[in-house]
C-alpha atoms as a PDB file:
ATOM      1  CA  UNK A   1       9.370 -15.477  -8.848  1.00  0.00           C
ATOM      2  CA  UNK A   2      11.418 -14.820  -6.143  1.00  0.00           C
ATOM      3  CA  UNK A   3       9.341 -13.896  -3.029  1.00  0.00           C
ATOM      4  CA  UNK A   4      11.578 -11.724  -0.714  1.00  0.00           C
ATOM      5  CA  UNK A   5       9.127  -9.054   0.016  1.00  0.00           C
ATOM      6  CA  UNK A   6       5.462  -8.413   1.036  1.00  0.00           C
ATOM      7  CA  UNK A   7       3.952  -5.581  -0.529  1.00  0.00           C
ATOM      8  CA  UNK A   8       0.915  -4.015   0.830  1.00  0.00           C
ATOM      9  CA  UNK A   9      -1.651  -2.124  -1.448  1.00  0.00           C
ATOM     10  CA  UNK A  10      -4.813  -0.739  -0.605  1.00  0.00           C
ATOM     11  CA  UNK A  11      -6.777   2.579   0.156  1.00  0.00           C
ATOM     12  CA  UNK A  12      -5.961   5.122   2.445  1.00  0.00           C
ATOM     13  CA  UNK A  13      -6.955   4.294   5.863  1.00  0.00           C
ATOM     14  CA  UNK A  14      -6.616   0.539   5.002  1.00  0.00           C
ATOM     15  CA  UNK A  15      -3.803  -0.076   7.512  1.00  0.00           C
ATOM     16  CA  UNK A  16      -0.880  -0.557   5.178  1.00  0.00           C
ATOM     17  CA  UNK A  17       1.669   1.234   7.479  1.00  0.00           C
ATOM     18  CA  UNK A  18       0.156  -0.155  10.684  1.00  0.00           C
ATOM     19  CA  UNK A  19      -0.180  -3.701   9.730  1.00  0.00           C
ATOM     20  CA  UNK A  20       3.133  -3.287   7.823  1.00  0.00           C
ATOM     21  CA  UNK A  21       5.107  -2.631  10.923  1.00  0.00           C
ATOM     22  CA  UNK A  22       3.581  -5.457  12.709  1.00  0.00           C
ATOM     23  CA  UNK A  23       3.993  -7.942   9.942  1.00  0.00           C
ATOM     24  CA  UNK A  24       7.604  -6.953   9.680  1.00  0.00           C
ATOM     25  CA  UNK A  25       8.110  -7.437  13.419  1.00  0.00           C
ATOM     26  CA  UNK A  26       6.483 -10.866  13.244  1.00  0.00           C
ATOM     27  CA  UNK A  27       8.437 -12.164  10.334  1.00  0.00           C
ATOM     28  CA  UNK A  28      11.612 -10.277  11.201  1.00  0.00           C
ATOM     29  CA  UNK A  29      11.361  -8.524   8.059  1.00  0.00           C
ATOM     30  CA  UNK A  30      12.700  -4.945   7.364  1.00  0.00           C
ATOM     31  CA  UNK A  31       9.968  -2.350   6.888  1.00  0.00           C
ATOM     32  CA  UNK A  32       9.827   0.446   4.014  1.00  0.00           C
ATOM     33  CA  UNK A  33       7.041   2.873   3.778  1.00  0.00           C
ATOM     34  CA  UNK A  34       7.171   4.295   0.530  1.00  0.00           C
ATOM     35  CA  UNK A  35       4.617   7.491   1.295  1.00  0.00           C
ATOM     36  CA  UNK A  36       7.676   8.574   3.770  1.00  0.00           C
ATOM     37  CA  UNK A  37      10.324   7.951   1.179  1.00  0.00           C
ATOM     38  CA  UNK A  38       8.463  10.494  -1.165  1.00  0.00           C
ATOM     39  CA  UNK A  39       8.209  12.946   1.445  1.00  0.00           C
ATOM     40  CA  UNK A  40      11.814  12.581   2.106  1.00  0.00           C
ATOM     41  CA  UNK A  41      12.874  12.899  -1.521  1.00  0.00           C
ATOM     42  CA  UNK A  42      10.556  15.689  -2.076  1.00  0.00           C
ATOM     43  CA  UNK A  43      11.103  17.766   1.219  1.00  0.00           C
ATOM     44  CA  UNK A  44       7.232  18.119   1.074  1.00  0.00           C
ATOM     45  CA  UNK A  45       4.217  16.430   2.813  1.00  0.00           C
ATOM     46  CA  UNK A  46       2.057  14.258   0.235  1.00  0.00           C
ATOM     47  CA  UNK A  47      -0.886  17.017   0.903  1.00  0.00           C
ATOM     48  CA  UNK A  48       1.539  19.727  -0.038  1.00  0.00           C
ATOM     49  CA  UNK A  49       2.917  17.855  -3.010  1.00  0.00           C
ATOM     50  CA  UNK A  50      -0.739  17.357  -4.465  1.00  0.00           C
ATOM     51  CA  UNK A  51      -1.908  21.129  -3.665  1.00  0.00           C
ATOM     52  CA  UNK A  52       1.153  22.793  -5.005  1.00  0.00           C
ATOM     53  CA  UNK A  53       1.786  20.447  -8.150  1.00  0.00           C
ATOM     54  CA  UNK A  54      -1.523  18.777  -8.592  1.00  0.00           C
ATOM     55  CA  UNK A  55      -2.515  14.672  -7.927  1.00  0.00           C
ATOM     56  CA  UNK A  56      -0.455  13.655 -10.970  1.00  0.00           C
ATOM     57  CA  UNK A  57       2.703  14.628  -9.468  1.00  0.00           C
ATOM     58  CA  UNK A  58       1.952  12.492  -6.675  1.00  0.00           C
ATOM     59  CA  UNK A  59       1.333   9.759  -8.850  1.00  0.00           C
ATOM     60  CA  UNK A  60       4.465  10.308 -10.705  1.00  0.00           C
ATOM     61  CA  UNK A  61       6.968  10.521  -7.330  1.00  0.00           C
ATOM     62  CA  UNK A  62       5.249   7.477  -6.235  1.00  0.00           C
ATOM     63  CA  UNK A  63       6.012   5.510  -9.385  1.00  0.00           C
ATOM     64  CA  UNK A  64       9.618   6.877  -9.472  1.00  0.00           C
ATOM     65  CA  UNK A  65      10.129   5.928  -5.850  1.00  0.00           C
ATOM     66  CA  UNK A  66       8.627   2.141  -6.298  1.00  0.00           C
ATOM     67  CA  UNK A  67      10.595   1.700  -9.541  1.00  0.00           C
ATOM     68  CA  UNK A  68      13.749   2.699  -7.741  1.00  0.00           C
ATOM     69  CA  UNK A  69      13.310   0.689  -4.751  1.00  0.00           C
ATOM     70  CA  UNK A  70      15.596  -2.383  -4.348  1.00  0.00           C
ATOM     71  CA  UNK A  71      15.045  -3.951  -1.151  1.00  0.00           C
ATOM     72  CA  UNK A  72      15.026  -7.655  -0.016  1.00  0.00           C
ATOM     73  CA  UNK A  73      13.507  -9.187   2.887  1.00  0.00           C
ATOM     74  CA  UNK A  74      11.083  -6.199   3.437  1.00  0.00           C
ATOM     75  CA  UNK A  75       7.419  -5.600   4.162  1.00  0.00           C
ATOM     76  CA  UNK A  76       6.470  -2.652   1.800  1.00  0.00           C
ATOM     77  CA  UNK A  77       3.860  -0.188   2.449  1.00  0.00           C
ATOM     78  CA  UNK A  78       2.839   1.534  -0.534  1.00  0.00           C
ATOM     79  CA  UNK A  79       0.853   4.743  -1.305  1.00  0.00           C
ATOM     80  CA  UNK A  80      -2.712   4.322  -2.067  1.00  0.00           C
ATOM     81  CA  UNK A  81      -2.157   5.390  -5.970  1.00  0.00           C
ATOM     82  CA  UNK A  82       0.714   2.945  -6.382  1.00  0.00           C
ATOM     83  CA  UNK A  83      -1.426   0.824  -8.944  1.00  0.00           C
ATOM     84  CA  UNK A  84      -1.655   3.598 -11.106  1.00  0.00           C
ATOM     85  CA  UNK A  85       1.923   2.334 -12.631  1.00  0.00           C
ATOM     86  CA  UNK A  86       1.877  -0.685 -14.269  1.00  0.00           C
ATOM     87  CA  UNK A  87       5.784  -0.733 -14.298  1.00  0.00           C
ATOM     88  CA  UNK A  88       5.846   0.016 -10.622  1.00  0.00           C
ATOM     89  CA  UNK A  89       3.535  -2.543  -9.816  1.00  0.00           C
ATOM     90  CA  UNK A  90       5.392  -5.182 -12.233  1.00  0.00           C
ATOM     91  CA  UNK A  91       8.652  -4.328 -10.520  1.00  0.00           C
ATOM     92  CA  UNK A  92       7.272  -4.580  -6.964  1.00  0.00           C
ATOM     93  CA  UNK A  93       5.537  -8.227  -8.067  1.00  0.00           C
ATOM     94  CA  UNK A  94       8.850  -9.253  -9.529  1.00  0.00           C
ATOM     95  CA  UNK A  95      10.478  -9.485  -6.004  1.00  0.00           C
ATOM     96  CA  UNK A  96       7.292  -9.717  -3.667  1.00  0.00           C
ATOM     97  CA  UNK A  97       3.920 -11.044  -2.763  1.00  0.00           C
ATOM     98  CA  UNK A  98       1.430  -8.213  -3.500  1.00  0.00           C
ATOM     99  CA  UNK A  99      -1.061  -8.302  -0.687  1.00  0.00           C
ATOM    100  CA  UNK A 100      -4.546  -5.946  -1.141  1.00  0.00           C
ATOM    101  CA  UNK A 101      -5.689  -4.656   2.470  1.00  0.00           C
ATOM    102  CA  UNK A 102      -9.071  -4.464   1.368  1.00  0.00           C
ATOM    103  CA  UNK A 103     -11.777  -2.351   3.422  1.00  0.00           C
ATOM    104  CA  UNK A 104     -15.102  -1.419   2.659  1.00  0.00           C
ATOM    105  CA  UNK A 105     -16.047   2.292   1.131  1.00  0.00           C
ATOM    106  CA  UNK A 106     -17.712   3.024   4.502  1.00  0.00           C
ATOM    107  CA  UNK A 107     -14.763   2.082   6.482  1.00  0.00           C
ATOM    108  CA  UNK A 108     -12.425   4.168   4.267  1.00  0.00           C
ATOM    109  CA  UNK A 109     -14.745   7.106   5.293  1.00  0.00           C
ATOM    110  CA  UNK A 110     -14.743   6.400   8.801  1.00  0.00           C
ATOM    111  CA  UNK A 111     -10.813   5.934   9.135  1.00  0.00           C
ATOM    112  CA  UNK A 112      -9.722   9.114   7.149  1.00  0.00           C
ATOM    113  CA  UNK A 113     -12.484  11.313   7.610  1.00  0.00           C
ATOM    114  CA  UNK A 114     -11.657  14.563   5.726  1.00  0.00           C
ATOM    115  CA  UNK A 115      -9.599  13.348   2.857  1.00  0.00           C
ATOM    116  CA  UNK A 116      -8.821  16.791   1.777  1.00  0.00           C
ATOM    117  CA  UNK A 117      -5.758  16.793   4.316  1.00  0.00           C
ATOM    118  CA  UNK A 118      -4.718  13.264   3.446  1.00  0.00           C
ATOM    119  CA  UNK A 119      -2.627  13.815   0.379  1.00  0.00           C
ATOM    120  CA  UNK A 120      -4.639  11.618  -1.676  1.00  0.00           C
ATOM    121  CA  UNK A 121      -4.018  11.299  -5.196  1.00  0.00           C
ATOM    122  CA  UNK A 122      -7.285  11.745  -6.902  1.00  0.00           C
ATOM    123  CA  UNK A 123      -8.828  14.106  -9.725  1.00  0.00           C
ATOM    124  CA  UNK A 124     -10.235  17.278  -8.539  1.00  0.00           C
ATOM    125  CA  UNK A 125     -13.542  16.256 -10.147  1.00  0.00           C
ATOM    126  CA  UNK A 126     -13.462  12.836  -8.627  1.00  0.00           C
ATOM    127  CA  UNK A 127     -15.607  11.863  -5.836  1.00  0.00           C
ATOM    128  CA  UNK A 128     -14.323   9.464  -3.098  1.00  0.00           C
ATOM    129  CA  UNK A 129     -16.952   6.778  -4.373  1.00  0.00           C
ATOM    130  CA  UNK A 130     -15.432   7.011  -7.922  1.00  0.00           C
ATOM    131  CA  UNK A 131     -11.938   6.847  -6.511  1.00  0.00           C
ATOM    132  CA  UNK A 132     -12.809   3.892  -4.386  1.00  0.00           C
ATOM    133  CA  UNK A 133     -14.519   2.064  -7.449  1.00  0.00           C
ATOM    134  CA  UNK A 134     -11.250   2.707  -9.862  1.00  0.00           C
ATOM    135  CA  UNK A 135      -9.071   1.831  -7.160  1.00  0.00           C
ATOM    136  CA  UNK A 136     -10.710  -1.358  -6.036  1.00  0.00           C
ATOM    137  CA  UNK A 137     -10.543  -2.877  -9.704  1.00  0.00           C
ATOM    138  CA  UNK A 138      -6.573  -2.115  -9.834  1.00  0.00           C
ATOM    139  CA  UNK A 139      -5.919  -3.186  -6.266  1.00  0.00           C
ATOM    140  CA  UNK A 140      -7.799  -6.549  -7.398  1.00  0.00           C
ATOM    141  CA  UNK A 141      -5.875  -6.759 -10.524  1.00  0.00           C
ATOM    142  CA  UNK A 142      -2.406  -6.289  -9.208  1.00  0.00           C
ATOM    143  CA  UNK A 143      -2.595  -8.387  -6.117  1.00  0.00           C
ATOM    144  CA  UNK A 144      -2.139 -12.104  -5.585  1.00  0.00           C
ATOM    145  CA  UNK A 145      -3.672 -12.027  -2.195  1.00  0.00           C
ATOM    146  CA  UNK A 146      -6.875 -10.406  -0.892  1.00  0.00           C
ATOM    147  CA  UNK A 147      -7.282  -9.985   2.973  1.00  0.00           C
ATOM    148  CA  UNK A 148     -10.296  -8.147   4.916  1.00  0.00           C
ATOM    149  CA  UNK A 149      -8.600  -5.480   6.512  1.00  0.00           C
ATOM    150  CA  UNK A 150     -11.849  -4.389   8.545  1.00  0.00           C
ATOM    151  CA  UNK A 151     -11.313  -6.969  11.018  1.00  0.00           C
ATOM    152  CA  UNK A 152     -11.574  -6.026  14.549  1.00  0.00           C
ATOM    153  CA  UNK A 153      -7.518  -4.851  15.511  1.00  0.00           C
ATOM    154  CA  UNK A 154      -4.593  -4.370  13.158  1.00  0.00           C
ATOM    155  CA  UNK A 155      -3.147  -7.086  15.096  1.00  0.00           C
ATOM    156  CA  UNK A 156      -6.241  -9.471  13.611  1.00  0.00           C
ATOM    157  CA  UNK A 157      -5.480  -8.384  10.135  1.00  0.00           C
ATOM    158  CA  UNK A 158      -1.493  -9.314  10.456  1.00  0.00           C
ATOM    159  CA  UNK A 159      -2.397 -12.659  11.653  1.00  0.00           C
ATOM    160  CA  UNK A 160      -4.889 -12.994   8.795  1.00  0.00           C
ATOM    161  CA  UNK A 161      -2.126 -12.086   6.333  1.00  0.00           C
ATOM    162  CA  UNK A 162       0.680 -14.423   8.013  1.00  0.00           C
ATOM    163  CA  UNK A 163      -2.241 -17.239   8.078  1.00  0.00           C
ATOM    164  CA  UNK A 164      -2.532 -16.668   4.040  1.00  0.00           C
ATOM    165  CA  UNK A 165       1.361 -16.654   3.585  1.00  0.00           C
ATOM    166  CA  UNK A 166       2.199 -19.453   5.456  1.00  0.00           C
ATOM    167  CA  UNK A 167       1.061 -22.223   3.359  1.00  0.00           C
ATOM    168  CA  UNK A 168       3.062 -20.402   0.542  1.00  0.00           C
ATOM    169  CA  UNK A 169       5.951 -22.073   2.295  1.00  0.00           C
ATOM    170  CA  UNK A 170       7.808 -18.594   2.182  1.00  0.00           C
ATOM    171  CA  UNK A 171      11.128 -19.142   4.167  1.00  0.00           C
ATOM    172  CA  UNK A 172      10.506 -16.181   6.438  1.00  0.00           C
ATOM    173  CA  UNK A 173       7.112 -17.566   7.578  1.00  0.00           C
ATOM    174  CA  UNK A 174       8.741 -19.866   9.561  1.00  0.00           C
ATOM    175  CA  UNK A 175       9.912 -17.189  11.942  1.00  0.00           C
END
């Protein structure tokens, strides 16, 4: 496996974008936020996409963006629903190490507040509790590393990720 990228997965509010930017700076890597790519390609916010076309449209758009992604030397912040596509996750894992930023459900609630305006891909009949349980299993399945992301600050989470990556002797961890 070629490990050219660091791929961050996790629940909304887990810090994928914030920690991703910090990691990219610390490791001298590029940064890609797939939520921003989806918004740019569709010309709509994630929330509008979900409201107008339904939660499945966001999942399809995310899978398409991930499958088309061809970057090296990047930290990739994925959307929370990236793990619903086996093909997309296999594509990401083929060129990177997948890191699950794990936060407890209570912290998800605290950080995202009213998730109805967050552009979260969930079935209309699905509670946040159910979504959390469903995704936790998927995040655990697809990740090579799991990092507690409810640490004190995003800097602490960044340091924890780097500490776990460094023993893997990845060329860019020497930066």
